[in-house]
Amino acid sequence: MRVGNSGIGAPAMLAIGRVVRVHGLRGDVRVRSLSDVPGRFATLTAVTVEEPGGARRPLAVRAARPLGNDYLLSFESIETPEAAARLVGSLLQIAEDQAAPLPDGQYYQHDLVGMAVRTEEGLPVGTLADILPTGANEVFVVRAADGREHLIPATKEVVRRVDVPARLMTIRRIAGLLEGHNADEM
């Protein structure tokens, strides 16, 4: 199971990159990709820039090309290094309807956060509150009604079903996974 980056809390927009620095004298910026989609920036014509302070504005993309592990982007209205410097730290976003469809078993984070979590037996575990990136797989933070948090590995062995329209995730109970959370308490 994989979880795509979506900019949690912004269901209409998906974060696809972060401006990490200015490049050159013409207002170009170096962007670190947050997308799993190969070639995401090759056909990009416009983005919404979310600045560190939260302000958003649309920008037309003049050109994009790979540069090592990052991408070099130039924008129509950004022509100086000083103007480009104001973008450093900003997120580049696209509308969700412009996103490539995800393969089966992959979900956008905003589709999962807030989802009810139950066991295969139908017992409530809590609400998916956060998603933590780790080296091997993501970990779901599930908050129980009593405030306790359970860390659930985002693997096919544990997560048995995700029903996005119903806002329900079903997990397999594994020894030690729901420590201090027995069937009588659920």
Protein backbone atom coordinates (compact mmCIF):
# COMPACT_ATOMS: atom_id res chain seq x y z
CA MET A 1 0.00 0.00 0.00
CA ARG A 2 1.36 3.40 -0.93
CA VAL A 3 0.16 6.81 0.05
CA GLY A 4 0.60 9.67 -2.41
CA ASN A 5 1.43 13.16 -1.26
CA SER A 6 -1.53 15.47 -1.30
CA GLY A 7 -0.89 18.30 1.03
CA ILE A 8 -3.04 17.10 3.91
CA GLY A 9 -5.83 19.54 4.62
CA ALA A 10 -6.05 20.80 1.04
CA PRO A 11 -8.22 18.25 -0.75
CA ALA A 12 -8.66 20.34 -3.89
CA MET A 13 -4.91 20.75 -4.49
CA LEU A 14 -2.01 18.28 -4.63
CA ALA A 15 1.52 19.30 -3.72
CA ILE A 16 3.90 18.11 -6.46
CA GLY A 17 7.09 19.99 -5.59
CA ARG A 18 8.88 22.41 -3.30
CA VAL A 19 11.06 25.31 -4.47
CA VAL A 20 14.46 24.74 -2.85
CA ARG A 21 16.61 27.51 -4.34
CA VAL A 22 17.17 30.08 -7.06
CA HIS A 23 19.10 28.94 -10.13
CA GLY A 24 20.94 31.41 -12.36
CA LEU A 25 20.25 35.02 -13.24
CA ARG A 26 16.96 34.71 -15.16
CA GLY A 27 14.61 33.89 -12.31
CA ASP A 28 14.70 30.11 -12.64
CA VAL A 29 14.13 27.95 -9.56
CA ARG A 30 15.25 24.50 -8.53
CA VAL A 31 12.33 22.32 -7.46
CA ARG A 32 12.40 19.11 -5.41
CA SER A 33 9.70 16.76 -6.65
CA LEU A 34 7.13 15.48 -4.15
CA SER A 35 5.45 13.39 -6.83
CA ASP A 36 5.79 9.70 -7.59
CA VAL A 37 4.63 10.33 -11.18
CA PRO A 38 7.57 10.03 -13.61
CA GLY A 39 7.88 13.05 -15.87
CA ARG A 40 5.39 15.04 -13.77
CA PHE A 41 7.07 18.35 -14.65
CA ALA A 42 7.68 17.67 -18.37
CA THR A 43 4.19 18.70 -19.50
CA LEU A 44 3.40 21.15 -16.72
CA THR A 45 1.91 24.42 -17.99
CA ALA A 46 0.68 26.02 -14.77
CA VAL A 47 0.90 25.58 -11.00
CA THR A 48 -0.48 27.18 -7.89
CA VAL A 49 2.31 28.41 -5.64
CA GLU A 50 1.65 28.23 -1.91
CA GLU A 51 4.17 30.48 -0.20
CA PRO A 52 5.50 29.66 3.30
CA GLY A 53 3.11 32.23 4.79
CA GLY A 54 0.12 30.48 3.19
CA ALA A 55 -0.58 32.94 0.36
CA ARG A 56 -1.45 31.24 -2.93
CA ARG A 57 -1.12 32.44 -6.50
CA PRO A 58 -1.18 30.85 -9.94
CA LEU A 59 1.94 30.87 -12.12
CA ALA A 60 2.34 29.89 -15.76
CA VAL A 61 5.28 27.54 -16.37
CA ARG A 62 7.51 28.66 -19.23
CA ALA A 63 9.85 25.66 -19.17
CA ALA A 64 10.76 22.66 -17.01
CA ARG A 65 13.66 20.26 -17.28
CA PRO A 66 15.32 17.67 -15.05
CA LEU A 67 18.44 18.75 -13.16
CA GLY A 68 20.00 15.87 -11.24
CA ASN A 69 17.37 14.59 -8.81
CA ASP A 70 15.49 17.91 -9.00
CA TYR A 71 13.86 19.99 -11.74
CA LEU A 72 14.66 23.42 -13.08
CA LEU A 73 11.55 25.54 -13.69
CA SER A 74 11.09 28.96 -15.19
CA PHE A 75 7.85 30.90 -14.84
CA GLU A 76 6.35 33.49 -17.21
CA SER A 77 6.16 36.27 -14.60
CA ILE A 78 9.38 35.54 -12.66
CA GLU A 79 12.34 37.09 -14.48
CA THR A 80 14.91 38.02 -11.83
CA PRO A 81 16.76 36.13 -9.10
CA GLU A 82 15.20 38.50 -6.56
CA ALA A 83 11.67 37.59 -7.67
CA ALA A 84 12.60 33.90 -7.71
CA ALA A 85 14.06 34.14 -4.19
CA ARG A 86 10.59 35.00 -2.86
CA LEU A 87 9.44 31.55 -4.02
CA VAL A 88 12.06 29.56 -2.06
CA GLY A 89 10.27 27.27 0.40
CA SER A 90 6.99 27.45 -1.53
CA LEU A 91 4.94 24.41 -2.48
CA LEU A 92 3.98 23.90 -6.11
CA GLN A 93 0.48 22.49 -6.40
CA ILE A 94 -1.91 21.31 -9.09
CA ALA A 95 -5.65 20.77 -8.94
CA GLU A 96 -6.59 17.23 -7.99
CA ASP A 97 -8.46 16.77 -11.29
CA GLN A 98 -5.15 17.35 -13.14
CA ALA A 99 -3.46 14.53 -11.27
CA ALA A 100 -2.64 11.21 -12.85
CA PRO A 101 -4.95 8.47 -11.58
CA LEU A 102 -3.35 6.39 -8.87
CA PRO A 103 -2.88 2.64 -9.36
CA ASP A 104 -5.00 0.25 -7.29
CA GLY A 105 -3.84 0.15 -3.68
CA GLN A 106 -2.52 3.72 -3.70
CA TYR A 107 -4.34 6.65 -2.13
CA TYR A 108 -3.89 10.35 -1.64
CA GLN A 109 -3.26 11.31 1.98
CA HIS A 110 -6.23 13.65 2.13
CA ASP A 111 -8.50 10.75 1.15
CA LEU A 112 -7.33 8.79 4.21
CA VAL A 113 -6.97 11.37 6.99
CA GLY A 114 -10.20 11.54 8.99
CA MET A 115 -11.26 8.05 7.89
CA ALA A 116 -12.81 5.69 10.48
CA VAL A 117 -10.67 2.62 11.23
CA ARG A 118 -12.18 -0.72 12.25
CA THR A 119 -10.91 -4.26 12.68
CA GLU A 120 -11.95 -7.10 10.36
CA GLU A 121 -14.36 -8.10 13.13
CA GLY A 122 -16.05 -4.69 12.85
CA LEU A 123 -14.71 -3.28 16.13
CA PRO A 124 -13.90 0.46 16.07
CA VAL A 125 -10.23 1.38 16.52
CA GLY A 126 -10.43 5.14 15.98
CA THR A 127 -9.92 7.82 13.37
CA LEU A 128 -6.89 8.08 11.09
CA ALA A 129 -5.32 11.33 12.34
CA ASP A 130 -1.95 11.50 10.58
CA ILE A 131 0.43 9.67 8.26
CA LEU A 132 4.10 9.33 9.18
CA PRO A 133 6.68 8.66 6.47
CA THR A 134 9.22 6.01 7.40
CA GLY A 135 11.95 4.23 5.48
CA ALA A 136 10.03 1.08 4.59
CA ASN A 137 6.38 2.15 4.55
CA GLU A 138 4.12 4.86 5.89
CA VAL A 139 2.64 4.51 9.37
CA PHE A 140 -0.94 5.55 10.10
CA VAL A 141 -1.57 7.34 13.39
CA VAL A 142 -5.03 6.24 14.52
CA ARG A 143 -6.56 8.16 17.43
CA ALA A 144 -9.00 6.16 19.58
CA ALA A 145 -12.09 7.73 21.17
CA ASP A 146 -10.26 7.84 24.53
CA GLY A 147 -7.37 9.83 23.01
CA ARG A 148 -4.87 6.97 22.78
CA GLU A 149 -2.90 6.74 19.56
CA HIS A 150 -2.15 3.53 17.71
CA LEU A 151 0.59 3.29 15.10
CA ILE A 152 -0.62 1.11 12.23
CA PRO A 153 1.81 0.06 9.48
CA ALA A 154 0.46 0.92 6.03
CA THR A 155 1.01 -2.55 4.61
CA LYS A 156 -1.27 -4.98 2.79
CA GLU A 157 -0.77 -7.47 5.63
CA VAL A 158 -2.37 -5.08 8.12
CA VAL A 159 -4.62 -2.80 6.06
CA ARG A 160 -7.15 -5.17 4.55
CA ARG A 161 -9.55 -2.75 2.87
CA VAL A 162 -9.85 0.96 2.15
CA ASP A 163 -13.26 2.29 1.14
CA VAL A 164 -12.69 5.95 0.23
CA PRO A 165 -16.36 6.79 -0.55
CA ALA A 166 -17.50 5.23 2.77
CA ARG A 167 -14.51 6.83 4.61
CA LEU A 168 -13.70 3.46 6.22
CA MET A 169 -10.45 1.50 6.62
CA THR A 170 -10.47 -2.10 7.77
CA ILE A 171 -7.38 -3.51 9.50
CA ARG A 172 -6.31 -6.97 10.64
CA ARG A 173 -5.71 -7.33 14.37
CA ILE A 174 -2.16 -8.50 14.95
CA ALA A 175 -0.73 -9.31 18.38
CA GLY A 176 0.84 -6.21 19.91
CA LEU A 177 -0.53 -3.86 17.26
CA LEU A 178 -3.34 -2.45 19.39
CA GLU A 179 -1.56 -2.58 22.76
CA GLY A 180 -3.94 -1.82 25.62
CA HIS A 181 -6.87 -1.89 23.22
CA ASN A 182 -8.79 -5.11 23.75
CA ALA A 183 -12.13 -6.12 22.30
CA ASP A 184 -13.97 -5.13 25.51
CA GLU A 185 -12.63 -1.58 25.20
CA MET A 186 -13.44 -1.26 21.51
